Amino acid sequence: MTTLLHYCALVRSKNAGPFTLTFDFMCHDEDSYKALVATGFLNKQLFATLFNTDPDKILLVNHPLALAVKVSLPRPVVQGSLADTDCYAGQQYAPLMDMEVVPA
């Protein structure tokens, strides 16, 4: 089974302010980057489904010079609210780690 760790040296999630969640997928090398992007695995619909949000509110940017993909979306709850279970958003990437990366 191929996972994100096959392509990425670093996968992380974090806050981009109290209302936005962001993900960084930093690839091992140029070949890994090109292969990951070619799969189409990292797409707006995936994040819309996982985080129950509108795909039109998701920003997905490929950064070929940095060998990285960045995804930003509205946080499910505002940072620091009573319903916030991950104040720094550092654990939001975890569900992606066990998913099989297959071409779209």
PDB file of N, CA and C in Angstrom:
ATOM      1  N   MET A   1       0.846  -1.184   0.000  1.00  0.00           N
ATOM      2  CA  MET A   1       0.000   0.000   0.000  1.00  0.00           C
ATOM      3  C   MET A   1       0.892   1.249   0.000  1.00  0.00           C
ATOM      4  N   THR A   2       0.585   2.198  -0.857  1.00  0.00           N
ATOM      5  CA  THR A   2       1.334   3.447  -0.949  1.00  0.00           C
ATOM      6  C   THR A   2       0.606   4.521  -0.144  1.00  0.00           C
ATOM      7  N   THR A   3       1.332   5.175   0.761  1.00  0.00           N
ATOM      8  CA  THR A   3       0.761   6.246   1.579  1.00  0.00           C
ATOM      9  C   THR A   3       1.510   7.548   1.292  1.00  0.00           C
ATOM     10  N   LEU A   4       1.083   8.616   1.930  1.00  0.00           N
ATOM     11  CA  LEU A   4       1.745   9.907   1.748  1.00  0.00           C
ATOM     12  C   LEU A   4       3.223   9.871   2.122  1.00  0.00           C
ATOM     13  N   LEU A   5       3.588   9.031   3.084  1.00  0.00           N
ATOM     14  CA  LEU A   5       4.992   8.974   3.496  1.00  0.00           C
ATOM     15  C   LEU A   5       5.888   8.412   2.399  1.00  0.00           C
ATOM     16  N   HIS A   6       5.306   7.721   1.435  1.00  0.00           N
ATOM     17  CA  HIS A   6       6.073   7.257   0.282  1.00  0.00           C
ATOM     18  C   HIS A   6       6.575   8.458  -0.526  1.00  0.00           C
ATOM     19  N   TYR A   7       5.785   9.520  -0.587  1.00  0.00           N
ATOM     20  CA  TYR A   7       6.100  10.706  -1.371  1.00  0.00           C
ATOM     21  C   TYR A   7       6.692  11.845  -0.535  1.00  0.00           C
ATOM     22  N   CYS A   8       6.258  11.958   0.719  1.00  0.00           N
ATOM     23  CA  CYS A   8       6.545  13.146   1.520  1.00  0.00           C
ATOM     24  C   CYS A   8       7.537  12.896   2.661  1.00  0.00           C
ATOM     25  N   ALA A   9       8.443  13.834   2.820  1.00  0.00           N
ATOM     26  CA  ALA A   9       9.361  13.823   3.959  1.00  0.00           C
ATOM     27  C   ALA A   9       8.684  14.452   5.172  1.00  0.00           C
ATOM     28  N   LEU A  10       7.722  15.343   4.924  1.00  0.00           N
ATOM     29  CA  LEU A  10       7.023  16.033   6.007  1.00  0.00           C
ATOM     30  C   LEU A  10       5.573  16.255   5.613  1.00  0.00           C
ATOM     31  N   VAL A  11       4.681  15.881   6.502  1.00  0.00           N
ATOM     32  CA  VAL A  11       3.249  16.171   6.364  1.00  0.00           C
ATOM     33  C   VAL A  11       2.846  16.825   7.674  1.00  0.00           C
ATOM     34  N   ARG A  12       2.247  18.012   7.592  1.00  0.00           N
ATOM     35  CA  ARG A  12       1.840  18.683   8.826  1.00  0.00           C
ATOM     36  C   ARG A  12       0.578  19.496   8.605  1.00  0.00           C
ATOM     37  N   SER A  13      -0.076  19.758   9.717  1.00  0.00           N
ATOM     38  CA  SER A  13      -1.229  20.647   9.716  1.00  0.00           C
ATOM     39  C   SER A  13      -0.997  21.670  10.805  1.00  0.00           C
ATOM     40  N   LYS A  14      -1.582  22.845  10.620  1.00  0.00           N
ATOM     41  CA  LYS A  14      -1.422  23.912  11.608  1.00  0.00           C
ATOM     42  C   LYS A  14      -2.474  24.990  11.350  1.00  0.00           C
ATOM     43  N   ASN A  15      -2.563  25.909  12.282  1.00  0.00           N
ATOM     44  CA  ASN A  15      -3.456  27.041  12.110  1.00  0.00           C
ATOM     45  C   ASN A  15      -2.824  28.059  11.175  1.00  0.00           C
ATOM     46  N   ALA A  16      -3.670  28.714  10.429  1.00  0.00           N
ATOM     47  CA  ALA A  16      -3.276  29.883   9.654  1.00  0.00           C
ATOM     48  C   ALA A  16      -4.223  30.990  10.103  1.00  0.00           C
ATOM     49  N   GLY A  17      -4.182  31.264  11.392  1.00  0.00           N
ATOM     50  CA  GLY A  17      -5.124  32.180  12.019  1.00  0.00           C
ATOM     51  C   GLY A  17      -6.226  31.379  12.705  1.00  0.00           C
ATOM     52  N   PRO A  18      -7.111  32.033  13.438  1.00  0.00           N
ATOM     53  CA  PRO A  18      -8.130  31.317  14.211  1.00  0.00           C
ATOM     54  C   PRO A  18      -9.250  30.693  13.379  1.00  0.00           C
ATOM     55  N   PHE A  19      -9.321  31.057  12.102  1.00  0.00           N
ATOM     56  CA  PHE A  19     -10.422  30.578  11.269  1.00  0.00           C
ATOM     57  C   PHE A  19      -9.982  29.660  10.126  1.00  0.00           C
ATOM     58  N   THR A  20      -8.685  29.457   9.974  1.00  0.00           N
ATOM     59  CA  THR A  20      -8.174  28.698   8.830  1.00  0.00           C
ATOM     60  C   THR A  20      -7.220  27.600   9.271  1.00  0.00           C
ATOM     61  N   LEU A  21      -7.397  26.451   8.659  1.00  0.00           N
ATOM     62  CA  LEU A  21      -6.559  25.282   8.880  1.00  0.00           C
ATOM     63  C   LEU A  21      -5.728  25.094   7.617  1.00  0.00           C
ATOM     64  N   THR A  22      -4.435  24.807   7.763  1.00  0.00           N
ATOM     65  CA  THR A  22      -3.589  24.617   6.594  1.00  0.00           C
ATOM     66  C   THR A  22      -2.756  23.345   6.715  1.00  0.00           C
ATOM     67  N   PHE A  23      -2.506  22.733   5.580  1.00  0.00           N
ATOM     68  CA  PHE A  23      -1.731  21.495   5.497  1.00  0.00           C
ATOM     69  C   PHE A  23      -0.550  21.723   4.577  1.00  0.00           C
ATOM     70  N   ASP A  24       0.594  21.148   4.938  1.00  0.00           N
ATOM     71  CA  ASP A  24       1.779  21.197   4.096  1.00  0.00           C
ATOM     72  C   ASP A  24       2.218  19.775   3.802  1.00  0.00           C
ATOM     73  N   PHE A  25       2.449  19.491   2.537  1.00  0.00           N
ATOM     74  CA  PHE A  25       2.930  18.189   2.085  1.00  0.00           C
ATOM     75  C   PHE A  25       4.244  18.441   1.358  1.00  0.00           C
ATOM     76  N   MET A  26       5.354  18.143   2.013  1.00  0.00           N
ATOM     77  CA  MET A  26       6.679  18.435   1.468  1.00  0.00           C
ATOM     78  C   MET A  26       7.333  17.132   1.011  1.00  0.00           C
ATOM     79  N   CYS A  27       7.588  17.060  -0.270  1.00  0.00           N
ATOM     80  CA  CYS A  27       8.049  15.812  -0.881  1.00  0.00           C
ATOM     81  C   CYS A  27       9.546  15.584  -0.716  1.00  0.00           C
ATOM     82  N   HIS A  28       9.930  14.311  -0.843  1.00  0.00           N
ATOM     83  CA  HIS A  28      11.334  13.909  -0.707  1.00  0.00           C
ATOM     84  C   HIS A  28      12.213  14.536  -1.780  1.00  0.00           C
ATOM     85  N   ASP A  29      11.723  14.544  -2.998  1.00  0.00           N
ATOM     86  CA  ASP A  29      12.522  15.021  -4.133  1.00  0.00           C
ATOM     87  C   ASP A  29      11.571  15.361  -5.283  1.00  0.00           C
ATOM     88  N   GLU A  30      12.145  15.811  -6.380  1.00  0.00           N
ATOM     89  CA  GLU A  30      11.329  16.243  -7.515  1.00  0.00           C
ATOM     90  C   GLU A  30      10.504  15.098  -8.102  1.00  0.00           C
ATOM     91  N   ASP A  31      11.092  13.911  -8.181  1.00  0.00           N
ATOM     92  CA  ASP A  31      10.344  12.767  -8.711  1.00  0.00           C
ATOM     93  C   ASP A  31       9.146  12.429  -7.829  1.00  0.00           C
ATOM     94  N   SER A  32       9.343  12.471  -6.513  1.00  0.00           N
ATOM     95  CA  SER A  32       8.238  12.205  -5.576  1.00  0.00           C
ATOM     96  C   SER A  32       7.150  13.259  -5.711  1.00  0.00           C
ATOM     97  N   TYR A  33       7.566  14.519  -5.843  1.00  0.00           N
ATOM     98  CA  TYR A  33       6.606  15.611  -5.993  1.00  0.00           C
ATOM     99  C   TYR A  33       5.756  15.404  -7.258  1.00  0.00           C
ATOM    100  N   LYS A  34       6.428  15.163  -8.371  1.00  0.00           N
ATOM    101  CA  LYS A  34       5.712  14.985  -9.634  1.00  0.00           C
ATOM    102  C   LYS A  34       4.768  13.784  -9.569  1.00  0.00           C
ATOM    103  N   ALA A  35       5.224  12.708  -8.950  1.00  0.00           N
ATOM    104  CA  ALA A  35       4.388  11.506  -8.836  1.00  0.00           C
ATOM    105  C   ALA A  35       3.169  11.758  -7.957  1.00  0.00           C
ATOM    106  N   LEU A  36       3.367  12.455  -6.834  1.00  0.00           N
ATOM    107  CA  LEU A  36       2.242  12.753  -5.944  1.00  0.00           C
ATOM    108  C   LEU A  36       1.211  13.635  -6.641  1.00  0.00           C
ATOM    109  N   VAL A  37       1.667  14.693  -7.266  1.00  0.00           N
ATOM    110  CA  VAL A  37       0.739  15.592  -7.959  1.00  0.00           C
ATOM    111  C   VAL A  37       0.000  14.835  -9.069  1.00  0.00           C
ATOM    112  N   ALA A  38       0.711  13.958  -9.770  1.00  0.00           N
ATOM    113  CA  ALA A  38       0.099  13.201 -10.864  1.00  0.00           C
ATOM    114  C   ALA A  38      -1.006  12.257 -10.388  1.00  0.00           C
ATOM    115  N   THR A  39      -0.937  11.806  -9.134  1.00  0.00           N
ATOM    116  CA  THR A  39      -1.989  10.916  -8.628  1.00  0.00           C
ATOM    117  C   THR A  39      -3.325  11.637  -8.500  1.00  0.00           C
ATOM    118  N   GLY A  40      -3.282  12.943  -8.241  1.00  0.00           N
ATOM    119  CA  GLY A  40      -4.519  13.683  -8.014  1.00  0.00           C
ATOM    120  C   GLY A  40      -5.139  13.396  -6.659  1.00  0.00           C
ATOM    121  N   PHE A  41      -4.410  12.667  -5.813  1.00  0.00           N
ATOM    122  CA  PHE A  41      -4.927  12.291  -4.489  1.00  0.00           C
ATOM    123  C   PHE A  41      -5.259  13.516  -3.645  1.00  0.00           C
ATOM    124  N   LEU A  42      -4.362  14.477  -3.607  1.00  0.00           N
ATOM    125  CA  LEU A  42      -4.609  15.699  -2.831  1.00  0.00           C
ATOM    126  C   LEU A  42      -5.488  16.614  -3.677  1.00  0.00           C
ATOM    127  N   ASN A  43      -6.771  16.587  -3.388  1.00  0.00           N
ATOM    128  CA  ASN A  43      -7.712  17.400  -4.157  1.00  0.00           C
ATOM    129  C   ASN A  43      -8.743  18.023  -3.216  1.00  0.00           C
ATOM    130  N   LYS A  44      -9.442  19.011  -3.711  1.00  0.00           N
ATOM    131  CA  LYS A  44     -10.406  19.741  -2.888  1.00  0.00           C
ATOM    132  C   LYS A  44     -11.511  18.844  -2.347  1.00  0.00           C
ATOM    133  N   GLN A  45     -11.982  17.894  -3.161  1.00  0.00           N
ATOM    134  CA  GLN A  45     -13.075  17.040  -2.719  1.00  0.00           C
ATOM    135  C   GLN A  45     -12.669  16.165  -1.536  1.00  0.00           C
ATOM    136  N   LEU A  46     -11.431  15.679  -1.523  1.00  0.00           N
ATOM    137  CA  LEU A  46     -10.935  14.886  -0.399  1.00  0.00           C
ATOM    138  C   LEU A  46     -11.038  15.677   0.905  1.00  0.00           C
ATOM    139  N   PHE A  47     -10.555  16.913   0.887  1.00  0.00           N
ATOM    140  CA  PHE A  47     -10.567  17.734   2.098  1.00  0.00           C
ATOM    141  C   PHE A  47     -11.981  18.193   2.448  1.00  0.00           C
ATOM    142  N   ALA A  48     -12.804  18.451   1.437  1.00  0.00           N
ATOM    143  CA  ALA A  48     -14.200  18.821   1.692  1.00  0.00           C
ATOM    144  C   ALA A  48     -14.925  17.690   2.408  1.00  0.00           C
ATOM    145  N   THR A  49     -14.658  16.461   1.996  1.00  0.00           N
ATOM    146  CA  THR A  49     -15.288  15.300   2.619  1.00  0.00           C
ATOM    147  C   THR A  49     -14.772  15.084   4.035  1.00  0.00           C
ATOM    148  N   LEU A  50     -13.463  15.132   4.217  1.00  0.00           N
ATOM    149  CA  LEU A  50     -12.870  14.886   5.539  1.00  0.00           C
ATOM    150  C   LEU A  50     -13.259  15.943   6.567  1.00  0.00           C
ATOM    151  N   PHE A  51     -13.384  17.194   6.125  1.00  0.00           N
ATOM    152  CA  PHE A  51     -13.622  18.288   7.061  1.00  0.00           C
ATOM    153  C   PHE A  51     -14.987  18.941   6.892  1.00  0.00           C
ATOM    154  N   ASN A  52     -15.876  18.255   6.161  1.00  0.00           N
ATOM    155  CA  ASN A  52     -17.262  18.686   6.026  1.00  0.00           C
ATOM    156  C   ASN A  52     -17.372  20.171   5.681  1.00  0.00           C
ATOM    157  N   THR A  53     -16.734  20.536   4.588  1.00  0.00           N
ATOM    158  CA  THR A  53     -16.769  21.927   4.153  1.00  0.00           C
ATOM    159  C   THR A  53     -16.991  21.999   2.645  1.00  0.00           C
ATOM    160  N   ASP A  54     -17.305  23.155   2.165  1.00  0.00           N
ATOM    161  CA  ASP A  54     -17.565  23.401   0.752  1.00  0.00           C
ATOM    162  C   ASP A  54     -16.236  23.385  -0.021  1.00  0.00           C
ATOM    163  N   PRO A  55     -16.129  22.587  -1.087  1.00  0.00           N
ATOM    164  CA  PRO A  55     -14.884  22.554  -1.854  1.00  0.00           C
ATOM    165  C   PRO A  55     -14.475  23.918  -2.414  1.00  0.00           C
ATOM    166  N   ASP A  56     -15.461  24.785  -2.639  1.00  0.00           N
ATOM    167  CA  ASP A  56     -15.158  26.124  -3.164  1.00  0.00           C
ATOM    168  C   ASP A  56     -14.440  27.005  -2.145  1.00  0.00           C
ATOM    169  N   LYS A  57     -14.443  26.596  -0.879  1.00  0.00           N
ATOM    170  CA  LYS A  57     -13.766  27.367   0.166  1.00  0.00           C
ATOM    171  C   LYS A  57     -12.358  26.841   0.447  1.00  0.00           C
ATOM    172  N   ILE A  58     -11.926  25.878  -0.347  1.00  0.00           N
ATOM    173  CA  ILE A  58     -10.623  25.254  -0.152  1.00  0.00           C
ATOM    174  C   ILE A  58      -9.634  25.803  -1.172  1.00  0.00           C
ATOM    175  N   LEU A  59      -8.452  26.148  -0.692  1.00  0.00           N
ATOM    176  CA  LEU A  59      -7.370  26.606  -1.553  1.00  0.00           C
ATOM    177  C   LEU A  59      -6.323  25.504  -1.606  1.00  0.00           C
ATOM    178  N   LEU A  60      -6.022  25.021  -2.797  1.00  0.00           N
ATOM    179  CA  LEU A  60      -5.002  23.994  -2.997  1.00  0.00           C
ATOM    180  C   LEU A  60      -3.974  24.566  -3.962  1.00  0.00           C
ATOM    181  N   VAL A  61      -2.721  24.631  -3.497  1.00  0.00           N
ATOM    182  CA  VAL A  61      -1.662  25.234  -4.306  1.00  0.00           C
ATOM    183  C   VAL A  61      -0.497  24.264  -4.423  1.00  0.00           C
ATOM    184  N   ASN A  62      -0.094  23.991  -5.667  1.00  0.00           N
ATOM    185  CA  ASN A  62       1.109  23.210  -5.918  1.00  0.00           C
ATOM    186  C   ASN A  62       2.294  24.167  -6.000  1.00  0.00           C
ATOM    187  N   HIS A  63       3.359  23.840  -5.286  1.00  0.00           N
ATOM    188  CA  HIS A  63       4.582  24.651  -5.276  1.00  0.00           C
ATOM    189  C   HIS A  63       5.734  23.825  -5.828  1.00  0.00           C
ATOM    190  N   PRO A  64       5.883  23.755  -7.161  1.00  0.00           N
ATOM    191  CA  PRO A  64       6.914  22.891  -7.738  1.00  0.00           C
ATOM    192  C   PRO A  64       8.340  23.257  -7.320  1.00  0.00           C
ATOM    193  N   LEU A  65       8.644  24.526  -7.160  1.00  0.00           N
ATOM    194  CA  LEU A  65      10.005  24.898  -6.764  1.00  0.00           C
ATOM    195  C   LEU A  65      10.320  24.488  -5.328  1.00  0.00           C
ATOM    196  N   ALA A  66       9.296  24.417  -4.494  1.00  0.00           N
ATOM    197  CA  ALA A  66       9.478  23.990  -3.102  1.00  0.00           C
ATOM    198  C   ALA A  66       9.213  22.495  -2.937  1.00  0.00           C
ATOM    199  N   LEU A  67       8.800  21.833  -4.012  1.00  0.00           N
ATOM    200  CA  LEU A  67       8.456  20.399  -3.975  1.00  0.00           C
ATOM    201  C   LEU A  67       7.390  20.138  -2.914  1.00  0.00           C
ATOM    202  N   ALA A  68       6.378  21.003  -2.898  1.00  0.00           N
ATOM    203  CA  ALA A  68       5.365  20.950  -1.849  1.00  0.00           C
ATOM    204  C   ALA A  68       3.972  21.248  -2.398  1.00  0.00           C
ATOM    205  N   VAL A  69       2.987  20.767  -1.654  1.00  0.00           N
ATOM    206  CA  VAL A  69       1.579  21.072  -1.917  1.00  0.00           C
ATOM    207  C   VAL A  69       1.023  21.663  -0.632  1.00  0.00           C
ATOM    208  N   LYS A  70       0.275  22.753  -0.754  1.00  0.00           N
ATOM    209  CA  LYS A  70      -0.336  23.402   0.411  1.00  0.00           C
ATOM    210  C   LYS A  70      -1.841  23.413   0.204  1.00  0.00           C
ATOM    211  N   VAL A  71      -2.558  23.080   1.271  1.00  0.00           N
ATOM    212  CA  VAL A  71      -4.021  23.088   1.237  1.00  0.00           C
ATOM    213  C   VAL A  71      -4.505  23.894   2.439  1.00  0.00           C
ATOM    214  N   SER A  72      -5.383  24.854   2.196  1.00  0.00           N
ATOM    215  CA  SER A  72      -5.958  25.659   3.275  1.00  0.00           C
ATOM    216  C   SER A  72      -7.475  25.620   3.176  1.00  0.00           C
ATOM    217  N   LEU A  73      -8.120  25.582   4.342  1.00  0.00           N
ATOM    218  CA  LEU A  73      -9.577  25.512   4.392  1.00  0.00           C
ATOM    219  C   LEU A  73     -10.076  26.098   5.706  1.00  0.00           C
ATOM    220  N   PRO A  74     -11.365  26.410   5.769  1.00  0.00           N
ATOM    221  CA  PRO A  74     -11.908  26.923   7.029  1.00  0.00           C
ATOM    222  C   PRO A  74     -11.793  25.870   8.132  1.00  0.00           C
ATOM    223  N   ARG A  75     -11.397  26.310   9.328  1.00  0.00           N
ATOM    224  CA  ARG A  75     -11.359  25.381  10.464  1.00  0.00           C
ATOM    225  C   ARG A  75     -12.778  24.896  10.753  1.00  0.00           C
ATOM    226  N   PRO A  76     -12.936  23.629  11.153  1.00  0.00           N
ATOM    227  CA  PRO A  76     -14.274  23.126  11.494  1.00  0.00           C
ATOM    228  C   PRO A  76     -14.922  23.917  12.632  1.00  0.00           C
ATOM    229  N   VAL A  77     -14.103  24.360  13.593  1.00  0.00           N
ATOM    230  CA  VAL A  77     -14.557  25.254  14.665  1.00  0.00           C
ATOM    231  C   VAL A  77     -13.482  26.305  14.871  1.00  0.00           C
ATOM    232  N   VAL A  78     -13.863  27.456  15.376  1.00  0.00           N
ATOM    233  CA  VAL A  78     -12.918  28.543  15.602  1.00  0.00           C
ATOM    234  C   VAL A  78     -11.904  28.125  16.660  1.00  0.00           C
ATOM    235  N   GLN A  79     -10.635  28.463  16.411  1.00  0.00           N
ATOM    236  CA  GLN A  79      -9.571  28.133  17.358  1.00  0.00           C
ATOM    237  C   GLN A  79      -9.900  28.686  18.741  1.00  0.00           C
ATOM    238  N   GLY A  80      -9.767  27.819  19.744  1.00  0.00           N
ATOM    239  CA  GLY A  80      -9.967  28.225  21.128  1.00  0.00           C
ATOM    240  C   GLY A  80     -11.402  28.177  21.612  1.00  0.00           C
ATOM    241  N   SER A  81     -12.347  27.862  20.717  1.00  0.00           N
ATOM    242  CA  SER A  81     -13.738  27.767  21.165  1.00  0.00           C
ATOM    243  C   SER A  81     -13.898  26.525  22.039  1.00  0.00           C
ATOM    244  N   LEU A  82     -14.990  26.435  22.763  1.00  0.00           N
ATOM    245  CA  LEU A  82     -15.219  25.291  23.648  1.00  0.00           C
ATOM    246  C   LEU A  82     -15.255  23.966  22.884  1.00  0.00           C
ATOM    247  N   ALA A  83     -15.650  24.008  21.627  1.00  0.00           N
ATOM    248  CA  ALA A  83     -15.727  22.783  20.828  1.00  0.00           C
ATOM    249  C   ALA A  83     -14.398  22.417  20.158  1.00  0.00           C
ATOM    250  N   ASP A  84     -13.384  23.254  20.324  1.00  0.00           N
ATOM    251  CA  ASP A  84     -12.092  23.016  19.672  1.00  0.00           C
ATOM    252  C   ASP A  84     -11.304  21.954  20.424  1.00  0.00           C
ATOM    253  N   THR A  85     -11.056  20.822  19.754  1.00  0.00           N
ATOM    254  CA  THR A  85     -10.329  19.719  20.389  1.00  0.00           C
ATOM    255  C   THR A  85      -8.851  19.697  20.010  1.00  0.00           C
ATOM    256  N   ASP A  86      -8.435  20.599  19.140  1.00  0.00           N
ATOM    257  CA  ASP A  86      -7.037  20.662  18.693  1.00  0.00           C
ATOM    258  C   ASP A  86      -6.684  22.128  18.465  1.00  0.00           C
ATOM    259  N   CYS A  87      -6.404  22.825  19.533  1.00  0.00           N
ATOM    260  CA  CYS A  87      -6.211  24.278  19.510  1.00  0.00           C
ATOM    261  C   CYS A  87      -5.159  24.728  18.494  1.00  0.00           C
ATOM    262  N   TYR A  88      -4.100  23.949  18.316  1.00  0.00           N
ATOM    263  CA  TYR A  88      -3.035  24.335  17.392  1.00  0.00           C
ATOM    264  C   TYR A  88      -3.182  23.670  16.020  1.00  0.00           C
ATOM    265  N   ALA A  89      -4.178  22.824  15.863  1.00  0.00           N
ATOM    266  CA  ALA A  89      -4.476  22.121  14.602  1.00  0.00           C
ATOM    267  C   ALA A  89      -3.335  21.194  14.179  1.00  0.00           C
ATOM    268  N   GLY A  90      -2.481  20.832  15.092  1.00  0.00           N
ATOM    269  CA  GLY A  90      -1.331  19.996  14.779  1.00  0.00           C
ATOM    270  C   GLY A  90      -1.642  18.527  14.588  1.00  0.00           C
ATOM    271  N   GLN A  91      -2.872  18.115  14.837  1.00  0.00           N
ATOM    272  CA  GLN A  91      -3.234  16.702  14.697  1.00  0.00           C
ATOM    273  C   GLN A  91      -4.198  16.445  13.542  1.00  0.00           C
ATOM    274  N   GLN A  92      -4.554  17.471  12.807  1.00  0.00           N
ATOM    275  CA  GLN A  92      -5.581  17.333  11.779  1.00  0.00           C
ATOM    276  C   GLN A  92      -5.115  16.532  10.562  1.00  0.00           C
ATOM    277  N   TYR A  93      -3.822  16.409  10.372  1.00  0.00           N
ATOM    278  CA  TYR A  93      -3.302  15.645   9.237  1.00  0.00           C
ATOM    279  C   TYR A  93      -3.414  14.136   9.442  1.00  0.00           C
ATOM    280  N   ALA A  94      -3.579  13.689  10.672  1.00  0.00           N
ATOM    281  CA  ALA A  94      -3.512  12.258  11.012  1.00  0.00           C
ATOM    282  C   ALA A  94      -4.421  11.362  10.170  1.00  0.00           C
ATOM    283  N   PRO A  95      -5.682  11.716   9.899  1.00  0.00           N
ATOM    284  CA  PRO A  95      -6.520  10.808   9.096  1.00  0.00           C
ATOM    285  C   PRO A  95      -5.968  10.555   7.687  1.00  0.00           C
ATOM    286  N   LEU A  96      -5.180  11.472   7.174  1.00  0.00           N
ATOM    287  CA  LEU A  96      -4.624  11.314   5.833  1.00  0.00           C
ATOM    288  C   LEU A  96      -3.497  10.286   5.791  1.00  0.00           C
ATOM    289  N   MET A  97      -2.846  10.045   6.897  1.00  0.00           N
ATOM    290  CA  MET A  97      -1.629   9.238   6.913  1.00  0.00           C
ATOM    291  C   MET A  97      -1.883   7.760   6.620  1.00  0.00           C
ATOM    292  N   ASP A  98      -3.032   7.253   6.954  1.00  0.00           N
ATOM    293  CA  ASP A  98      -3.331   5.837   6.724  1.00  0.00           C
ATOM    294  C   ASP A  98      -4.082   5.578   5.416  1.00  0.00           C
ATOM    295  N   MET A  99      -4.383   6.627   4.696  1.00  0.00           N
ATOM    296  CA  MET A  99      -5.119   6.467   3.443  1.00  0.00           C
ATOM    297  C   MET A  99      -4.180   6.013   2.336  1.00  0.00           C
ATOM    298  N   GLU A 100      -4.675   5.132   1.487  1.00  0.00           N
ATOM    299  CA  GLU A 100      -3.885   4.688   0.345  1.00  0.00           C
ATOM    300  C   GLU A 100      -3.947   5.754  -0.747  1.00  0.00           C
ATOM    301  N   VAL A 101      -2.784   6.131  -1.246  1.00  0.00           N
ATOM    302  CA  VAL A 101      -2.702   7.105  -2.329  1.00  0.00           C
ATOM    303  C   VAL A 101      -2.833   6.350  -3.649  1.00  0.00           C
ATOM    304  N   VAL A 102      -3.948   6.578  -4.309  1.00  0.00           N
ATOM    305  CA  VAL A 102      -4.197   5.926  -5.596  1.00  0.00           C
ATOM    306  C   VAL A 102      -4.509   7.019  -6.621  1.00  0.00           C
ATOM    307  N   PRO A 103      -4.139   6.793  -7.853  1.00  0.00           N
ATOM    308  CA  PRO A 103      -4.445   7.798  -8.877  1.00  0.00           C
ATOM    309  C   PRO A 103      -5.936   8.071  -8.984  1.00  0.00           C
ATOM    310  N   ALA A 104      -6.271   9.329  -9.165  1.00  0.00           N
ATOM    311  CA  ALA A 104      -7.689   9.742  -9.270  1.00  0.00           C
ATOM    312  C   ALA A 104      -8.280   9.346 -10.599  1.00  0.00           C
TER     313      ALA A 104
END
